[in-house]
Amino acid sequence: MSKFPSHEMDRFNIRLPAGMREAIALRAKENGRSMNTELVFIIDEALKSPIPADVDNSRIMKLYSNLAENRPTNEEEFEKWEGEMIKAIFYLLDSINSYSQMYQALKSLRQDASKKVFGDNEVEF
């Protein structure tokens, strides 16, 4: 099998927040892919999924950037930093919970419709 000619591909440089490169490398390794392939996969999946107009990720991204840029160097700074980390985590968990509830509602709606149309021969989701 011949390799895809990389000189024909678009190139794009990106700056990653501290620690993100390692997270991408770990995820790529877990999925058996190169870092480049993993990033392309993640971006492709994100582009396939429409983002609802009311979703605003800018707050969590600002929280993450602030935490990454202001890593503590002593115990006193760590306590303050950890407080901000906890706030960011709770904000993220609240967002996840909202989406989880919407997912469950949509799943239930689909199951009800499938059962009505197909009866006991319900089509799996």
N, C-alpha and C. Protein backbone atom coordinates (compact mmCIF):
# COMPACT_ATOMS: atom_id res chain seq x y z
N MET A 1 0.84 -1.17 0.00
CA MET A 1 0.00 0.00 0.00
C MET A 1 0.89 1.24 0.00
N SER A 2 0.62 2.18 -0.89
CA SER A 2 1.43 3.39 -0.94
C SER A 2 0.89 4.43 0.04
N LYS A 3 1.81 5.25 0.51
CA LYS A 3 1.42 6.29 1.45
C LYS A 3 0.79 7.46 0.70
N PHE A 4 -0.12 8.14 1.38
CA PHE A 4 -0.72 9.33 0.80
C PHE A 4 0.36 10.40 0.73
N PRO A 5 0.50 11.07 -0.40
CA PRO A 5 1.56 12.08 -0.53
C PRO A 5 1.28 13.29 0.38
N SER A 6 2.08 13.41 1.43
CA SER A 6 1.84 14.47 2.42
C SER A 6 2.04 15.86 1.84
N HIS A 7 2.83 15.97 0.78
CA HIS A 7 3.04 17.30 0.19
C HIS A 7 1.77 17.85 -0.44
N GLU A 8 0.77 17.00 -0.68
CA GLU A 8 -0.50 17.44 -1.26
C GLU A 8 -1.51 17.84 -0.19
N MET A 9 -1.17 17.65 1.07
CA MET A 9 -2.09 17.96 2.16
C MET A 9 -1.87 19.39 2.65
N ASP A 10 -2.95 20.00 3.14
CA ASP A 10 -2.83 21.32 3.75
C ASP A 10 -2.07 21.20 5.06
N ARG A 11 -1.27 22.22 5.35
CA ARG A 11 -0.53 22.25 6.62
C ARG A 11 -1.05 23.42 7.44
N PHE A 12 -1.07 23.19 8.77
CA PHE A 12 -1.56 24.22 9.67
C PHE A 12 -0.86 24.08 11.00
N ASN A 13 -0.19 25.14 11.44
CA ASN A 13 0.48 25.12 12.74
C ASN A 13 -0.48 25.62 13.80
N ILE A 14 -0.39 25.04 14.99
CA ILE A 14 -1.29 25.41 16.07
C ILE A 14 -0.51 25.47 17.39
N ARG A 15 -0.86 26.42 18.23
CA ARG A 15 -0.28 26.51 19.57
C ARG A 15 -1.24 25.82 20.53
N LEU A 16 -0.72 24.91 21.32
CA LEU A 16 -1.54 24.17 22.27
C LEU A 16 -1.29 24.68 23.69
N PRO A 17 -2.34 24.73 24.50
CA PRO A 17 -2.13 25.08 25.91
C PRO A 17 -1.22 24.05 26.57
N ALA A 18 -0.55 24.48 27.62
CA ALA A 18 0.36 23.59 28.35
C ALA A 18 -0.38 22.32 28.76
N GLY A 19 0.25 21.18 28.51
CA GLY A 19 -0.31 19.90 28.92
C GLY A 19 -1.20 19.24 27.88
N MET A 20 -1.68 20.00 26.90
CA MET A 20 -2.60 19.43 25.92
C MET A 20 -1.88 18.47 24.97
N ARG A 21 -0.64 18.76 24.64
CA ARG A 21 0.11 17.88 23.74
C ARG A 21 0.20 16.48 24.33
N GLU A 22 0.51 16.41 25.63
CA GLU A 22 0.62 15.12 26.31
C GLU A 22 -0.73 14.40 26.32
N ALA A 23 -1.81 15.15 26.53
CA ALA A 23 -3.15 14.55 26.54
C ALA A 23 -3.50 13.98 25.16
N ILE A 24 -3.13 14.70 24.11
CA ILE A 24 -3.38 14.23 22.75
C ILE A 24 -2.54 12.98 22.47
N ALA A 25 -1.28 13.01 22.88
CA ALA A 25 -0.40 11.85 22.67
C ALA A 25 -0.96 10.61 23.37
N LEU A 26 -1.45 10.79 24.59
CA LEU A 26 -2.01 9.67 25.35
C LEU A 26 -3.26 9.13 24.66
N ARG A 27 -4.14 10.02 24.25
CA ARG A 27 -5.37 9.60 23.58
C ARG A 27 -5.05 8.89 22.26
N ALA A 28 -4.09 9.42 21.51
CA ALA A 28 -3.69 8.80 20.25
C ALA A 28 -3.15 7.40 20.50
N LYS A 29 -2.32 7.25 21.51
CA LYS A 29 -1.75 5.94 21.84
C LYS A 29 -2.85 4.96 22.22
N GLU A 30 -3.80 5.42 23.05
CA GLU A 30 -4.91 4.55 23.47
C GLU A 30 -5.76 4.10 22.29
N ASN A 31 -5.86 4.95 21.26
CA ASN A 31 -6.67 4.62 20.08
C ASN A 31 -5.85 4.01 18.94
N GLY A 32 -4.55 3.81 19.18
CA GLY A 32 -3.70 3.19 18.16
C GLY A 32 -3.49 4.07 16.93
N ARG A 33 -3.45 5.37 17.14
CA ARG A 33 -3.28 6.30 16.02
C ARG A 33 -2.09 7.22 16.29
N SER A 34 -1.63 7.86 15.24
CA SER A 34 -0.61 8.90 15.41
C SER A 34 -1.30 10.14 15.98
N MET A 35 -0.50 11.06 16.51
CA MET A 35 -1.09 12.30 17.04
C MET A 35 -1.79 13.07 15.92
N ASN A 36 -1.19 13.12 14.75
CA ASN A 36 -1.80 13.83 13.64
C ASN A 36 -3.14 13.21 13.27
N THR A 37 -3.17 11.88 13.15
CA THR A 37 -4.41 11.19 12.80
C THR A 37 -5.47 11.41 13.87
N GLU A 38 -5.05 11.39 15.13
CA GLU A 38 -5.99 11.62 16.23
C GLU A 38 -6.59 13.02 16.15
N LEU A 39 -5.74 14.02 15.90
CA LEU A 39 -6.24 15.39 15.79
C LEU A 39 -7.19 15.55 14.60
N VAL A 40 -6.85 14.96 13.47
CA VAL A 40 -7.72 15.02 12.30
C VAL A 40 -9.05 14.35 12.62
N PHE A 41 -9.02 13.20 13.31
CA PHE A 41 -10.24 12.50 13.70
C PHE A 41 -11.10 13.38 14.60
N ILE A 42 -10.49 13.98 15.62
CA ILE A 42 -11.22 14.83 16.57
C ILE A 42 -11.87 16.01 15.84
N ILE A 43 -11.10 16.66 14.98
CA ILE A 43 -11.62 17.81 14.24
C ILE A 43 -12.74 17.38 13.31
N ASP A 44 -12.56 16.26 12.62
CA ASP A 44 -13.58 15.75 11.71
C ASP A 44 -14.88 15.47 12.46
N GLU A 45 -14.79 14.81 13.62
CA GLU A 45 -15.97 14.52 14.43
C GLU A 45 -16.65 15.82 14.88
N ALA A 46 -15.86 16.79 15.27
CA ALA A 46 -16.43 18.07 15.72
C ALA A 46 -17.14 18.78 14.58
N LEU A 47 -16.58 18.72 13.39
CA LEU A 47 -17.20 19.38 12.24
C LEU A 47 -18.47 18.68 11.78
N LYS A 48 -18.57 17.39 12.01
CA LYS A 48 -19.77 16.63 11.64
C LYS A 48 -20.94 16.93 12.57
N SER A 49 -20.64 17.30 13.80
CA SER A 49 -21.67 17.52 14.81
C SER A 49 -22.05 18.99 14.85
N PRO A 50 -23.30 19.29 14.51
CA PRO A 50 -23.71 20.69 14.59
C PRO A 50 -23.72 21.15 16.05
N ILE A 51 -23.24 22.34 16.28
CA ILE A 51 -23.22 22.88 17.63
C ILE A 51 -24.46 23.75 17.80
N PRO A 52 -25.28 23.45 18.81
CA PRO A 52 -26.46 24.27 19.04
C PRO A 52 -26.06 25.73 19.27
N ALA A 53 -26.90 26.64 18.82
CA ALA A 53 -26.60 28.06 18.92
C ALA A 53 -26.41 28.51 20.35
N ASP A 54 -27.07 27.83 21.30
CA ASP A 54 -26.98 28.28 22.69
C ASP A 54 -25.75 27.76 23.42
N VAL A 55 -24.95 26.92 22.76
CA VAL A 55 -23.76 26.39 23.41
C VAL A 55 -22.65 27.43 23.34
N ASP A 56 -22.08 27.73 24.49
CA ASP A 56 -20.99 28.70 24.54
C ASP A 56 -19.84 28.07 25.30
N ASN A 57 -18.86 27.57 24.56
CA ASN A 57 -17.70 26.94 25.18
C ASN A 57 -16.64 27.95 25.58
N SER A 58 -16.87 29.22 25.27
CA SER A 58 -15.83 30.21 25.54
C SER A 58 -15.52 30.32 27.03
N ARG A 59 -16.54 30.15 27.89
CA ARG A 59 -16.28 30.26 29.33
C ARG A 59 -15.34 29.16 29.81
N ILE A 60 -15.62 27.92 29.42
CA ILE A 60 -14.77 26.82 29.88
C ILE A 60 -13.37 26.94 29.27
N MET A 61 -13.29 27.41 28.02
CA MET A 61 -11.98 27.59 27.40
C MET A 61 -11.19 28.69 28.11
N LYS A 62 -11.86 29.76 28.51
CA LYS A 62 -11.18 30.83 29.26
C LYS A 62 -10.71 30.31 30.61
N LEU A 63 -11.57 29.52 31.28
CA LEU A 63 -11.19 28.94 32.57
C LEU A 63 -9.96 28.05 32.40
N TYR A 64 -9.99 27.20 31.36
CA TYR A 64 -8.87 26.29 31.11
C TYR A 64 -7.58 27.08 30.83
N SER A 65 -7.68 28.06 29.95
CA SER A 65 -6.50 28.85 29.60
C SER A 65 -5.92 29.55 30.82
N ASN A 66 -6.81 30.12 31.64
CA ASN A 66 -6.36 30.81 32.85
C ASN A 66 -5.64 29.84 33.79
N LEU A 67 -6.21 28.66 33.97
CA LEU A 67 -5.58 27.66 34.83
C LEU A 67 -4.23 27.20 34.27
N ALA A 68 -4.19 26.98 32.95
CA ALA A 68 -2.95 26.51 32.32
C ALA A 68 -1.85 27.56 32.38
N GLU A 69 -2.23 28.82 32.21
CA GLU A 69 -1.23 29.89 32.20
C GLU A 69 -0.77 30.30 33.60
N ASN A 70 -1.57 30.00 34.59
CA ASN A 70 -1.26 30.44 35.95
C ASN A 70 -1.03 29.27 36.90
N ARG A 71 -0.26 28.31 36.45
CA ARG A 71 0.03 27.16 37.30
C ARG A 71 0.78 27.62 38.56
N PRO A 72 0.43 27.01 39.68
CA PRO A 72 1.04 27.44 40.95
C PRO A 72 2.50 27.02 41.06
N THR A 73 3.24 27.81 41.85
CA THR A 73 4.64 27.49 42.10
C THR A 73 4.92 27.25 43.57
N ASN A 74 3.89 27.49 44.41
CA ASN A 74 4.04 27.22 45.84
C ASN A 74 2.69 26.80 46.42
N GLU A 75 2.68 26.40 47.67
CA GLU A 75 1.46 25.87 48.29
C GLU A 75 0.35 26.91 48.38
N GLU A 76 0.69 28.14 48.69
CA GLU A 76 -0.32 29.19 48.81
C GLU A 76 -1.01 29.43 47.46
N GLU A 77 -0.21 29.53 46.41
CA GLU A 77 -0.77 29.69 45.07
C GLU A 77 -1.60 28.47 44.67
N PHE A 78 -1.13 27.28 45.09
CA PHE A 78 -1.84 26.06 44.73
C PHE A 78 -3.25 26.05 45.31
N GLU A 79 -3.42 26.49 46.55
CA GLU A 79 -4.75 26.50 47.16
C GLU A 79 -5.71 27.39 46.38
N LYS A 80 -5.26 28.57 46.00
CA LYS A 80 -6.09 29.48 45.21
C LYS A 80 -6.37 28.87 43.83
N TRP A 81 -5.34 28.35 43.21
CA TRP A 81 -5.47 27.74 41.88
C TRP A 81 -6.44 26.56 41.92
N GLU A 82 -6.32 25.74 42.95
CA GLU A 82 -7.19 24.57 43.07
C GLU A 82 -8.65 25.00 43.24
N GLY A 83 -8.89 26.09 43.96
CA GLY A 83 -10.25 26.62 44.09
C GLY A 83 -10.84 26.98 42.74
N GLU A 84 -10.02 27.62 41.89
CA GLU A 84 -10.46 27.96 40.54
C GLU A 84 -10.68 26.69 39.71
N MET A 85 -9.82 25.70 39.89
CA MET A 85 -9.96 24.42 39.20
C MET A 85 -11.30 23.77 39.56
N ILE A 86 -11.63 23.77 40.84
CA ILE A 86 -12.89 23.17 41.30
C ILE A 86 -14.09 23.89 40.70
N LYS A 87 -14.03 25.23 40.63
CA LYS A 87 -15.12 25.99 40.00
C LYS A 87 -15.28 25.57 38.54
N ALA A 88 -14.16 25.43 37.83
CA ALA A 88 -14.20 25.04 36.42
C ALA A 88 -14.78 23.64 36.26
N ILE A 89 -14.40 22.73 37.14
CA ILE A 89 -14.90 21.36 37.08
C ILE A 89 -16.41 21.33 37.31
N PHE A 90 -16.88 22.07 38.32
CA PHE A 90 -18.32 22.08 38.59
C PHE A 90 -19.10 22.71 37.44
N TYR A 91 -18.56 23.76 36.83
CA TYR A 91 -19.21 24.36 35.67
C TYR A 91 -19.32 23.33 34.54
N LEU A 92 -18.23 22.61 34.30
CA LEU A 92 -18.23 21.60 33.25
C LEU A 92 -19.20 20.47 33.57
N LEU A 93 -19.23 20.02 34.82
CA LEU A 93 -20.16 18.96 35.22
C LEU A 93 -21.61 19.39 35.05
N ASP A 94 -21.92 20.63 35.38
CA ASP A 94 -23.28 21.14 35.17
C ASP A 94 -23.66 21.08 33.70
N SER A 95 -22.72 21.47 32.83
CA SER A 95 -22.97 21.43 31.39
C SER A 95 -23.19 20.00 30.92
N ILE A 96 -22.35 19.09 31.39
CA ILE A 96 -22.47 17.68 31.02
C ILE A 96 -23.81 17.13 31.48
N ASN A 97 -24.21 17.47 32.70
CA ASN A 97 -25.48 16.99 33.24
C ASN A 97 -26.65 17.46 32.37
N SER A 98 -26.62 18.70 31.93
CA SER A 98 -27.69 19.23 31.08
C SER A 98 -27.77 18.45 29.77
N TYR A 99 -26.62 18.19 29.16
CA TYR A 99 -26.61 17.44 27.91
C TYR A 99 -27.01 15.99 28.13
N SER A 100 -26.63 15.42 29.24
CA SER A 100 -27.01 14.05 29.55
C SER A 100 -28.52 13.93 29.67
N GLN A 101 -29.14 14.89 30.33
CA GLN A 101 -30.60 14.87 30.47
C GLN A 101 -31.28 15.00 29.11
N MET A 102 -30.75 15.87 28.26
CA MET A 102 -31.31 16.03 26.92
C MET A 102 -31.13 14.75 26.11
N TYR A 103 -29.97 14.11 26.24
CA TYR A 103 -29.72 12.85 25.55
C TYR A 103 -30.74 11.80 25.98
N GLN A 104 -30.96 11.67 27.29
CA GLN A 104 -31.92 10.68 27.79
C GLN A 104 -33.32 10.96 27.27
N ALA A 105 -33.71 12.23 27.22
CA ALA A 105 -35.03 12.60 26.70
C ALA A 105 -35.15 12.23 25.22
N LEU A 106 -34.12 12.53 24.44
CA LEU A 106 -34.14 12.19 23.01
C LEU A 106 -34.15 10.68 22.80
N LYS A 107 -33.36 9.96 23.58
CA LYS A 107 -33.32 8.51 23.47
C LYS A 107 -34.68 7.91 23.78
N SER A 108 -35.33 8.39 24.83
CA SER A 108 -36.65 7.90 25.21
C SER A 108 -37.67 8.20 24.12
N LEU A 109 -37.62 9.40 23.57
CA LEU A 109 -38.52 9.78 22.49
C LEU A 109 -38.35 8.86 21.28
N ARG A 110 -37.11 8.57 20.94
CA ARG A 110 -36.83 7.68 19.82
C ARG A 110 -37.33 6.27 20.08
N GLN A 111 -37.11 5.77 21.30
CA GLN A 111 -37.58 4.42 21.65
C GLN A 111 -39.10 4.33 21.57
N ASP A 112 -39.78 5.36 22.07
CA ASP A 112 -41.25 5.37 22.00
C ASP A 112 -41.73 5.36 20.56
N ALA A 113 -41.11 6.18 19.70
CA ALA A 113 -41.50 6.23 18.30
C ALA A 113 -41.22 4.91 17.60
N SER A 114 -40.07 4.31 17.89
CA SER A 114 -39.71 3.03 17.29
C SER A 114 -40.68 1.94 17.71
N LYS A 115 -41.03 1.93 18.98
CA LYS A 115 -41.96 0.92 19.49
C LYS A 115 -43.33 1.07 18.84
N LYS A 116 -43.76 2.32 18.63
CA LYS A 116 -45.05 2.58 18.01
C LYS A 116 -45.06 2.11 16.55
N VAL A 117 -43.95 2.33 15.86
CA VAL A 117 -43.87 1.98 14.44
C VAL A 117 -43.57 0.49 14.24
N PHE A 118 -42.62 -0.07 15.01
CA PHE A 118 -42.16 -1.43 14.78
C PHE A 118 -42.65 -2.44 15.80
N GLY A 119 -43.32 -2.00 16.84
CA GLY A 119 -43.80 -2.91 17.88
C GLY A 119 -42.65 -3.59 18.59
N ASP A 120 -42.76 -4.91 18.78
CA ASP A 120 -41.72 -5.67 19.48
C ASP A 120 -40.44 -5.80 18.66
N ASN A 121 -40.51 -5.52 17.38
CA ASN A 121 -39.33 -5.59 16.51
C ASN A 121 -38.60 -4.25 16.49
N GLU A 122 -38.52 -3.63 17.65
CA GLU A 122 -37.92 -2.31 17.79
C GLU A 122 -36.51 -2.28 17.20
N VAL A 123 -36.23 -1.26 16.44
CA VAL A 123 -34.91 -1.07 15.84
C VAL A 123 -33.99 -0.47 16.90
N GLU A 124 -32.82 -1.11 17.10
CA GLU A 124 -31.86 -0.64 18.12
C GLU A 124 -31.29 0.71 17.74
N PHE A 125 -30.93 1.45 18.74
CA PHE A 125 -30.37 2.79 18.58
C PHE A 125 -28.90 2.74 18.78
